[in-house]
Amino acid sequence: MAPSNTSIILCSGAWHNEHHIKPAVPALEKAGYSVIPRPLASALSKGGWDEDVAAFESAIKTELDKGQNVALILHSAAGPPGCEAVNNILSSRGAAQSSKIVELIFVASFIRDDERDAITANLFESGFLRLGTGSDEGTLFAENGHRAFFNDMSVADAAPYIDGLGAQTAYASLGVTSEKWKEVSLTYMLCGQDNVAKPDVQEWVAKNHGMDVVRINAAHDPYVSQPEEFARLVDQILSA
């Protein structure tokens, strides 16, 4: 497929915002793609599960209505709402438009509750997660940001991205209602230095869903720390 006919919707994970997505945009645009940054609404204090699904669904519809092919990059906690958004699109649009969702790329991500639980347990054990109390009940806070997310960067280079980590609204449960999303081509980008989603957990998630695997020797946020290599791998996936 021609990059100029393909829009990449880059969906960042928990605690992240558009500032974290920006480093990868020039490299992906240089390869010829249109890039739509789409952080989680729940990471921006703008809602929860329903708002996350709706935001991703709206972004997909906008690009399909332009006649574009669409590839979704679903980082970490963006996996489940991204899958549900695709479920909704595939259920509501005709086959011709549905076929234009050409790839789902999961980056250090998860889909099922048990997969999320394995990653969450590691976050607690590693001192990367703090639960809000009192007026902050239902909110998750990231701790030790450098060691958690950006351990393949210097502290100085990572500092703006650590400072940019926000409060995350927790999901009570993951509402992925079907596996219709598996009708789309699936690839898992496994991050080999990830301290959040350990590589063996990532392997397990990819195997659970029969995904092709590509590997990047990066921490949890390869689009921040290694944007050129990240873009190269994305282009490789979409050009296959």
C-alpha atoms as a PDB file:
ATOM      1  CA  MET A   1       0.000   0.000   0.000  1.00  0.00           C
ATOM      2  CA  ALA A   2       1.195   3.530  -0.717  1.00  0.00           C
ATOM      3  CA  PRO A   3       2.178   5.446   2.434  1.00  0.00           C
ATOM      4  CA  SER A   4       0.450   8.548   1.057  1.00  0.00           C
ATOM      5  CA  ASN A   5      -2.858   6.646   1.137  1.00  0.00           C
ATOM      6  CA  THR A   6      -2.350   5.441   4.706  1.00  0.00           C
ATOM      7  CA  SER A   7      -3.128   7.292   7.911  1.00  0.00           C
ATOM      8  CA  ILE A   8      -1.449   6.129  11.105  1.00  0.00           C
ATOM      9  CA  ILE A   9      -3.423   6.776  14.271  1.00  0.00           C
ATOM     10  CA  LEU A  10      -0.827   6.659  17.036  1.00  0.00           C
ATOM     11  CA  CYS A  11      -2.549   5.940  20.351  1.00  0.00           C
ATOM     12  CA  SER A  12      -0.368   6.392  23.421  1.00  0.00           C
ATOM     13  CA  GLY A  13      -0.829   4.497  26.668  1.00  0.00           C
ATOM     14  CA  ALA A  14      -1.692   5.360  30.245  1.00  0.00           C
ATOM     15  CA  TRP A  15      -0.346   8.637  31.686  1.00  0.00           C
ATOM     16  CA  HIS A  16       0.861   9.791  28.236  1.00  0.00           C
ATOM     17  CA  ASN A  17      -0.261  12.708  26.104  1.00  0.00           C
ATOM     18  CA  GLU A  18       0.413  14.180  22.692  1.00  0.00           C
ATOM     19  CA  HIS A  19       3.781  15.524  23.862  1.00  0.00           C
ATOM     20  CA  HIS A  20       5.008  11.931  24.129  1.00  0.00           C
ATOM     21  CA  ILE A  21       3.821  11.069  20.611  1.00  0.00           C
ATOM     22  CA  LYS A  22       5.513  14.031  18.901  1.00  0.00           C
ATOM     23  CA  PRO A  23       9.060  12.602  18.567  1.00  0.00           C
ATOM     24  CA  ALA A  24       7.884   9.871  16.170  1.00  0.00           C
ATOM     25  CA  VAL A  25       5.733  12.062  13.952  1.00  0.00           C
ATOM     26  CA  PRO A  26       8.483  13.547  11.715  1.00  0.00           C
ATOM     27  CA  ALA A  27      10.029  10.141  10.970  1.00  0.00           C
ATOM     28  CA  LEU A  28       6.654   8.607  10.086  1.00  0.00           C
ATOM     29  CA  GLU A  29       5.731  11.618   7.957  1.00  0.00           C
ATOM     30  CA  LYS A  30       9.101  11.418   6.208  1.00  0.00           C
ATOM     31  CA  ALA A  31       8.179   7.857   5.207  1.00  0.00           C
ATOM     32  CA  GLY A  32       5.049   9.310   3.597  1.00  0.00           C
ATOM     33  CA  TYR A  33       2.323   8.595   6.147  1.00  0.00           C
ATOM     34  CA  SER A  34      -0.251  10.930   7.603  1.00  0.00           C
ATOM     35  CA  VAL A  35      -0.033  10.741  11.407  1.00  0.00           C
ATOM     36  CA  ILE A  36      -2.879  11.416  13.815  1.00  0.00           C
ATOM     37  CA  PRO A  37      -1.783  11.562  17.475  1.00  0.00           C
ATOM     38  CA  ARG A  38      -4.521  10.212  19.734  1.00  0.00           C
ATOM     39  CA  PRO A  39      -3.791  10.024  23.467  1.00  0.00           C
ATOM     40  CA  LEU A  40      -6.186   8.289  25.815  1.00  0.00           C
ATOM     41  CA  ALA A  41      -8.930  10.607  27.069  1.00  0.00           C
ATOM     42  CA  SER A  42      -8.524   8.813  30.400  1.00  0.00           C
ATOM     43  CA  ALA A  43      -4.915  10.034  30.538  1.00  0.00           C
ATOM     44  CA  LEU A  44      -6.035  13.634  30.050  1.00  0.00           C
ATOM     45  CA  SER A  45      -8.709  13.790  32.779  1.00  0.00           C
ATOM     46  CA  LYS A  46     -11.338  13.797  30.030  1.00  0.00           C
ATOM     47  CA  GLY A  47     -13.210  10.601  30.796  1.00  0.00           C
ATOM     48  CA  GLY A  48     -12.808   6.855  31.059  1.00  0.00           C
ATOM     49  CA  TRP A  49     -13.399   3.729  28.985  1.00  0.00           C
ATOM     50  CA  ASP A  50     -16.337   5.042  26.938  1.00  0.00           C
ATOM     51  CA  GLU A  51     -14.549   8.271  26.076  1.00  0.00           C
ATOM     52  CA  ASP A  52     -11.389   6.393  25.072  1.00  0.00           C
ATOM     53  CA  VAL A  53     -13.302   4.081  22.740  1.00  0.00           C
ATOM     54  CA  ALA A  54     -15.268   6.993  21.281  1.00  0.00           C
ATOM     55  CA  ALA A  55     -12.117   9.060  20.629  1.00  0.00           C
ATOM     56  CA  PHE A  56     -10.389   6.212  18.796  1.00  0.00           C
ATOM     57  CA  GLU A  57     -13.552   5.352  16.857  1.00  0.00           C
ATOM     58  CA  SER A  58     -13.992   8.973  15.799  1.00  0.00           C
ATOM     59  CA  ALA A  59     -10.385   9.181  14.578  1.00  0.00           C
ATOM     60  CA  ILE A  60     -10.782   5.996  12.527  1.00  0.00           C
ATOM     61  CA  LYS A  61     -14.066   7.161  10.974  1.00  0.00           C
ATOM     62  CA  THR A  62     -12.575  10.529  10.033  1.00  0.00           C
ATOM     63  CA  GLU A  63      -9.741   8.885   8.083  1.00  0.00           C
ATOM     64  CA  LEU A  64     -11.979   6.261   6.453  1.00  0.00           C
ATOM     65  CA  ASP A  65     -14.328   9.029   5.319  1.00  0.00           C
ATOM     66  CA  LYS A  66     -11.354  10.662   3.582  1.00  0.00           C
ATOM     67  CA  GLY A  67     -10.788   7.427   1.650  1.00  0.00           C
ATOM     68  CA  GLN A  68      -7.620   6.612   3.544  1.00  0.00           C
ATOM     69  CA  ASN A  69      -6.315   3.241   4.631  1.00  0.00           C
ATOM     70  CA  VAL A  70      -5.948   3.220   8.407  1.00  0.00           C
ATOM     71  CA  ALA A  71      -3.294   1.642  10.625  1.00  0.00           C
ATOM     72  CA  LEU A  72      -3.647   1.870  14.391  1.00  0.00           C
ATOM     73  CA  ILE A  73      -0.645   1.838  16.693  1.00  0.00           C
ATOM     74  CA  LEU A  74      -1.910   0.859  20.137  1.00  0.00           C
ATOM     75  CA  HIS A  75       0.602   1.457  22.890  1.00  0.00           C
ATOM     76  CA  SER A  76       0.202  -0.292  26.234  1.00  0.00           C
ATOM     77  CA  ALA A  77      -3.197   0.577  27.793  1.00  0.00           C
ATOM     78  CA  ALA A  78      -4.495   1.842  24.428  1.00  0.00           C
ATOM     79  CA  GLY A  79      -4.818  -1.795  23.347  1.00  0.00           C
ATOM     80  CA  PRO A  80      -8.248  -2.645  24.803  1.00  0.00           C
ATOM     81  CA  PRO A  81     -10.164   0.539  23.863  1.00  0.00           C
ATOM     82  CA  GLY A  82      -8.484   0.460  20.462  1.00  0.00           C
ATOM     83  CA  CYS A  83      -9.733  -3.086  19.891  1.00  0.00           C
ATOM     84  CA  GLU A  84     -13.259  -2.130  20.956  1.00  0.00           C
ATOM     85  CA  ALA A  85     -13.231   0.897  18.637  1.00  0.00           C
ATOM     86  CA  VAL A  86     -12.276  -1.415  15.774  1.00  0.00           C
ATOM     87  CA  ASN A  87     -15.029  -3.854  16.797  1.00  0.00           C
ATOM     88  CA  ASN A  88     -17.542  -1.024  16.503  1.00  0.00           C
ATOM     89  CA  ILE A  89     -16.255   0.106  13.111  1.00  0.00           C
ATOM     90  CA  LEU A  90     -16.214  -3.412  11.666  1.00  0.00           C
ATOM     91  CA  SER A  91     -19.761  -3.992  12.903  1.00  0.00           C
ATOM     92  CA  SER A  92     -21.181  -0.756  11.525  1.00  0.00           C
ATOM     93  CA  ARG A  93     -19.408  -0.222   8.208  1.00  0.00           C
ATOM     94  CA  GLY A  94     -19.607  -2.166   4.978  1.00  0.00           C
ATOM     95  CA  ALA A  95     -16.958  -4.666   3.959  1.00  0.00           C
ATOM     96  CA  ALA A  96     -15.288  -2.248   1.543  1.00  0.00           C
ATOM     97  CA  GLN A  97     -14.634   0.371   4.215  1.00  0.00           C
ATOM     98  CA  SER A  98     -13.845  -2.175   6.915  1.00  0.00           C
ATOM     99  CA  SER A  99     -11.132  -3.669   4.710  1.00  0.00           C
ATOM    100  CA  LYS A 100      -9.376  -0.294   4.735  1.00  0.00           C
ATOM    101  CA  ILE A 101      -8.367  -0.833   8.369  1.00  0.00           C
ATOM    102  CA  VAL A 102      -5.157  -2.468   7.262  1.00  0.00           C
ATOM    103  CA  GLU A 103      -3.135  -3.111  10.432  1.00  0.00           C
ATOM    104  CA  LEU A 104      -3.225  -3.054  14.212  1.00  0.00           C
ATOM    105  CA  ILE A 105       0.232  -2.657  15.726  1.00  0.00           C
ATOM    106  CA  PHE A 106       0.365  -3.357  19.454  1.00  0.00           C
ATOM    107  CA  VAL A 107       3.353  -1.839  21.255  1.00  0.00           C
ATOM    108  CA  ALA A 108       4.085  -3.403  24.670  1.00  0.00           C
ATOM    109  CA  SER A 109       0.329  -3.750  24.945  1.00  0.00           C
ATOM    110  CA  PHE A 110      -2.363  -6.023  26.346  1.00  0.00           C
ATOM    111  CA  ILE A 111      -6.005  -6.799  25.587  1.00  0.00           C
ATOM    112  CA  ARG A 112      -7.427  -9.160  28.202  1.00  0.00           C
ATOM    113  CA  ASP A 113      -7.963  -8.579  31.922  1.00  0.00           C
ATOM    114  CA  ASP A 114      -5.461 -11.292  32.888  1.00  0.00           C
ATOM    115  CA  GLU A 115      -2.825  -9.677  30.667  1.00  0.00           C
ATOM    116  CA  ARG A 116      -3.446  -6.298  32.254  1.00  0.00           C
ATOM    117  CA  ASP A 117      -3.324  -7.886  35.711  1.00  0.00           C
ATOM    118  CA  ALA A 118       0.117  -9.378  35.039  1.00  0.00           C
ATOM    119  CA  ILE A 119       1.483  -5.986  34.013  1.00  0.00           C
ATOM    120  CA  THR A 120      -0.230  -4.205  36.907  1.00  0.00           C
ATOM    121  CA  ALA A 121       1.276  -6.664  39.408  1.00  0.00           C
ATOM    122  CA  ASN A 122       4.721  -5.839  38.054  1.00  0.00           C
ATOM    123  CA  LEU A 123       4.000  -2.101  38.295  1.00  0.00           C
ATOM    124  CA  PHE A 124       3.188  -2.446  41.990  1.00  0.00           C
ATOM    125  CA  GLU A 125       6.116  -4.763  42.731  1.00  0.00           C
ATOM    126  CA  SER A 126       8.539  -2.442  40.936  1.00  0.00           C
ATOM    127  CA  GLY A 127       7.295   0.725  42.639  1.00  0.00           C
ATOM    128  CA  PHE A 128       5.972   2.207  39.384  1.00  0.00           C
ATOM    129  CA  LEU A 129       2.323   2.628  40.376  1.00  0.00           C
ATOM    130  CA  ARG A 130       0.533   4.512  43.136  1.00  0.00           C
ATOM    131  CA  LEU A 131      -3.194   4.442  43.755  1.00  0.00           C
ATOM    132  CA  GLY A 132      -4.922   7.734  44.481  1.00  0.00           C
ATOM    133  CA  THR A 133      -6.748   8.099  47.777  1.00  0.00           C
ATOM    134  CA  GLY A 134      -9.395  10.464  49.103  1.00  0.00           C
ATOM    135  CA  SER A 135     -10.406  12.917  46.393  1.00  0.00           C
ATOM    136  CA  ASP A 136      -8.029  11.087  44.016  1.00  0.00           C
ATOM    137  CA  GLU A 137      -9.675   7.703  44.474  1.00  0.00           C
ATOM    138  CA  GLY A 138      -9.996   5.945  41.116  1.00  0.00           C
ATOM    139  CA  THR A 139      -6.901   7.693  39.782  1.00  0.00           C
ATOM    140  CA  LEU A 140      -3.565   6.014  39.045  1.00  0.00           C
ATOM    141  CA  PHE A 141      -0.238   7.814  39.334  1.00  0.00           C
ATOM    142  CA  ALA A 142       3.017   6.759  37.689  1.00  0.00           C
ATOM    143  CA  GLU A 143       6.099   6.629  39.912  1.00  0.00           C
ATOM    144  CA  ASN A 144       9.836   6.338  39.098  1.00  0.00           C
ATOM    145  CA  GLY A 145       9.177   7.429  35.535  1.00  0.00           C
ATOM    146  CA  HIS A 146      12.726   7.116  34.268  1.00  0.00           C
ATOM    147  CA  ARG A 147      13.198   3.544  35.412  1.00  0.00           C
ATOM    148  CA  ALA A 148       9.676   2.577  34.369  1.00  0.00           C
ATOM    149  CA  PHE A 149       9.273   4.126  30.935  1.00  0.00           C
ATOM    150  CA  PHE A 150      12.488   5.698  29.702  1.00  0.00           C
ATOM    151  CA  ASN A 151      15.328   3.482  30.950  1.00  0.00           C
ATOM    152  CA  ASP A 152      16.918   3.512  27.481  1.00  0.00           C
ATOM    153  CA  MET A 153      17.353   7.312  27.664  1.00  0.00           C
ATOM    154  CA  SER A 154      19.524   9.510  29.839  1.00  0.00           C
ATOM    155  CA  VAL A 155      17.796  11.120  32.807  1.00  0.00           C
ATOM    156  CA  ALA A 156      18.311  14.523  31.211  1.00  0.00           C
ATOM    157  CA  ASP A 157      16.808  13.523  27.864  1.00  0.00           C
ATOM    158  CA  ALA A 158      13.901  11.761  29.543  1.00  0.00           C
ATOM    159  CA  ALA A 159      13.105  14.599  31.966  1.00  0.00           C
ATOM    160  CA  PRO A 160      10.525  16.465  29.803  1.00  0.00           C
ATOM    161  CA  TYR A 161       8.663  13.222  29.162  1.00  0.00           C
ATOM    162  CA  ILE A 162       8.734  12.187  32.814  1.00  0.00           C
ATOM    163  CA  ASP A 163       7.383  15.607  33.762  1.00  0.00           C
ATOM    164  CA  GLY A 164       4.651  15.170  31.162  1.00  0.00           C
ATOM    165  CA  LEU A 165       3.201  12.008  32.691  1.00  0.00           C
ATOM    166  CA  GLY A 166      -0.282  12.816  33.954  1.00  0.00           C
ATOM    167  CA  ALA A 167      -2.933  11.253  36.166  1.00  0.00           C
ATOM    168  CA  GLN A 168      -4.699   8.214  34.740  1.00  0.00           C
ATOM    169  CA  THR A 169      -8.359   7.375  35.271  1.00  0.00           C
ATOM    170  CA  ALA A 170      -8.624   3.666  36.117  1.00  0.00           C
ATOM    171  CA  TYR A 171     -10.873   1.251  34.237  1.00  0.00           C
ATOM    172  CA  ALA A 172     -12.986  -0.991  36.458  1.00  0.00           C
ATOM    173  CA  SER A 173     -12.688  -3.707  33.802  1.00  0.00           C
ATOM    174  CA  LEU A 174     -11.850  -3.993  30.135  1.00  0.00           C
ATOM    175  CA  GLY A 175     -14.905  -3.888  27.907  1.00  0.00           C
ATOM    176  CA  VAL A 176     -13.668  -5.603  24.746  1.00  0.00           C
ATOM    177  CA  THR A 177     -16.933  -7.216  23.662  1.00  0.00           C
ATOM    178  CA  SER A 178     -15.735  -9.537  20.893  1.00  0.00           C
ATOM    179  CA  GLU A 179     -12.702 -10.685  18.929  1.00  0.00           C
ATOM    180  CA  LYS A 180     -13.938  -9.144  15.694  1.00  0.00           C
ATOM    181  CA  TRP A 181     -10.823  -6.946  15.755  1.00  0.00           C
ATOM    182  CA  LYS A 182      -8.843 -10.069  14.906  1.00  0.00           C
ATOM    183  CA  GLU A 183     -10.196  -9.823  11.351  1.00  0.00           C
ATOM    184  CA  VAL A 184      -7.519  -7.145  10.855  1.00  0.00           C
ATOM    185  CA  SER A 185      -3.833  -7.953  10.314  1.00  0.00           C
ATOM    186  CA  LEU A 186      -2.096  -7.947  13.708  1.00  0.00           C
ATOM    187  CA  THR A 187       1.510  -7.249  14.672  1.00  0.00           C
ATOM    188  CA  TYR A 188       3.065  -6.979  18.125  1.00  0.00           C
ATOM    189  CA  MET A 189       6.116  -4.730  18.582  1.00  0.00           C
ATOM    190  CA  LEU A 190       7.977  -6.307  21.482  1.00  0.00           C
ATOM    191  CA  CYS A 191      10.150  -3.911  23.483  1.00  0.00           C
ATOM    192  CA  GLY A 192      13.210  -5.777  24.703  1.00  0.00           C
ATOM    193  CA  GLN A 193      14.232  -3.365  27.497  1.00  0.00           C
ATOM    194  CA  ASP A 194      10.729  -2.788  28.848  1.00  0.00           C
ATOM    195  CA  ASN A 195      10.472  -2.587  32.649  1.00  0.00           C
ATOM    196  CA  VAL A 196       6.677  -2.072  32.602  1.00  0.00           C
ATOM    197  CA  ALA A 197       5.516  -4.929  30.374  1.00  0.00           C
ATOM    198  CA  LYS A 198       8.320  -7.430  30.790  1.00  0.00           C
ATOM    199  CA  PRO A 199       9.435  -9.102  27.536  1.00  0.00           C
ATOM    200  CA  ASP A 200       8.168 -12.529  28.631  1.00  0.00           C
ATOM    201  CA  VAL A 201       4.733 -11.031  29.315  1.00  0.00           C
ATOM    202  CA  GLN A 202       4.762  -9.356  25.911  1.00  0.00           C
ATOM    203  CA  GLU A 203       5.625 -12.702  24.303  1.00  0.00           C
ATOM    204  CA  TRP A 204       2.690 -14.262  26.142  1.00  0.00           C
ATOM    205  CA  VAL A 205       0.254 -11.562  25.001  1.00  0.00           C
ATOM    206  CA  ALA A 206       1.342 -11.866  21.373  1.00  0.00           C
ATOM    207  CA  LYS A 207       1.011 -15.666  21.516  1.00  0.00           C
ATOM    208  CA  ASN A 208      -2.436 -15.420  23.132  1.00  0.00           C
ATOM    209  CA  HIS A 209      -3.745 -13.587  20.082  1.00  0.00           C
ATOM    210  CA  GLY A 210      -1.703 -15.170  17.284  1.00  0.00           C
ATOM    211  CA  MET A 211       0.101 -11.954  16.416  1.00  0.00           C
ATOM    212  CA  ASP A 212       3.188 -11.610  14.275  1.00  0.00           C
ATOM    213  CA  VAL A 213       6.076 -10.229  16.351  1.00  0.00           C
ATOM    214  CA  VAL A 214       8.712  -7.646  15.511  1.00  0.00           C
ATOM    215  CA  ARG A 215      11.310  -6.663  18.078  1.00  0.00           C
ATOM    216  CA  ILE A 216      12.876  -3.385  19.084  1.00  0.00           C
ATOM    217  CA  ASN A 217      15.645  -3.104  21.660  1.00  0.00           C
ATOM    218  CA  ALA A 218      13.879  -0.331  23.522  1.00  0.00           C
ATOM    219  CA  ALA A 219      12.147   0.520  26.773  1.00  0.00           C
ATOM    220  CA  HIS A 220       8.387   0.945  27.136  1.00  0.00           C
ATOM    221  CA  ASP A 221       8.157   4.070  24.938  1.00  0.00           C
ATOM    222  CA  PRO A 222      10.057   3.377  21.698  1.00  0.00           C
ATOM    223  CA  TYR A 223       8.281   6.194  19.866  1.00  0.00           C
ATOM    224  CA  VAL A 224       9.871   8.580  22.391  1.00  0.00           C
ATOM    225  CA  SER A 225      13.326   7.082  22.844  1.00  0.00           C
ATOM    226  CA  GLN A 226      13.985   5.603  19.376  1.00  0.00           C
ATOM    227  CA  PRO A 227      11.646   7.393  16.961  1.00  0.00           C
ATOM    228  CA  GLU A 228      13.624   6.669  13.792  1.00  0.00           C
ATOM    229  CA  GLU A 229      13.923   2.933  14.483  1.00  0.00           C
ATOM    230  CA  PHE A 230      10.303   2.859  15.592  1.00  0.00           C
ATOM    231  CA  ALA A 231       9.217   4.490  12.332  1.00  0.00           C
ATOM    232  CA  ARG A 232      11.406   2.145  10.308  1.00  0.00           C
ATOM    233  CA  LEU A 233       9.754  -0.889  11.880  1.00  0.00           C
ATOM    234  CA  VAL A 234       6.268   0.547  11.415  1.00  0.00           C
ATOM    235  CA  ASP A 235       7.026   1.177   7.733  1.00  0.00           C
ATOM    236  CA  GLN A 236       8.429  -2.349   7.433  1.00  0.00           C
ATOM    237  CA  ILE A 237       5.205  -3.784   8.889  1.00  0.00           C
ATOM    238  CA  LEU A 238       2.949  -1.708   6.641  1.00  0.00           C
ATOM    239  CA  SER A 239       5.027  -2.408   3.536  1.00  0.00           C
ATOM    240  CA  ALA A 240       5.009  -6.201   3.964  1.00  0.00           C
END
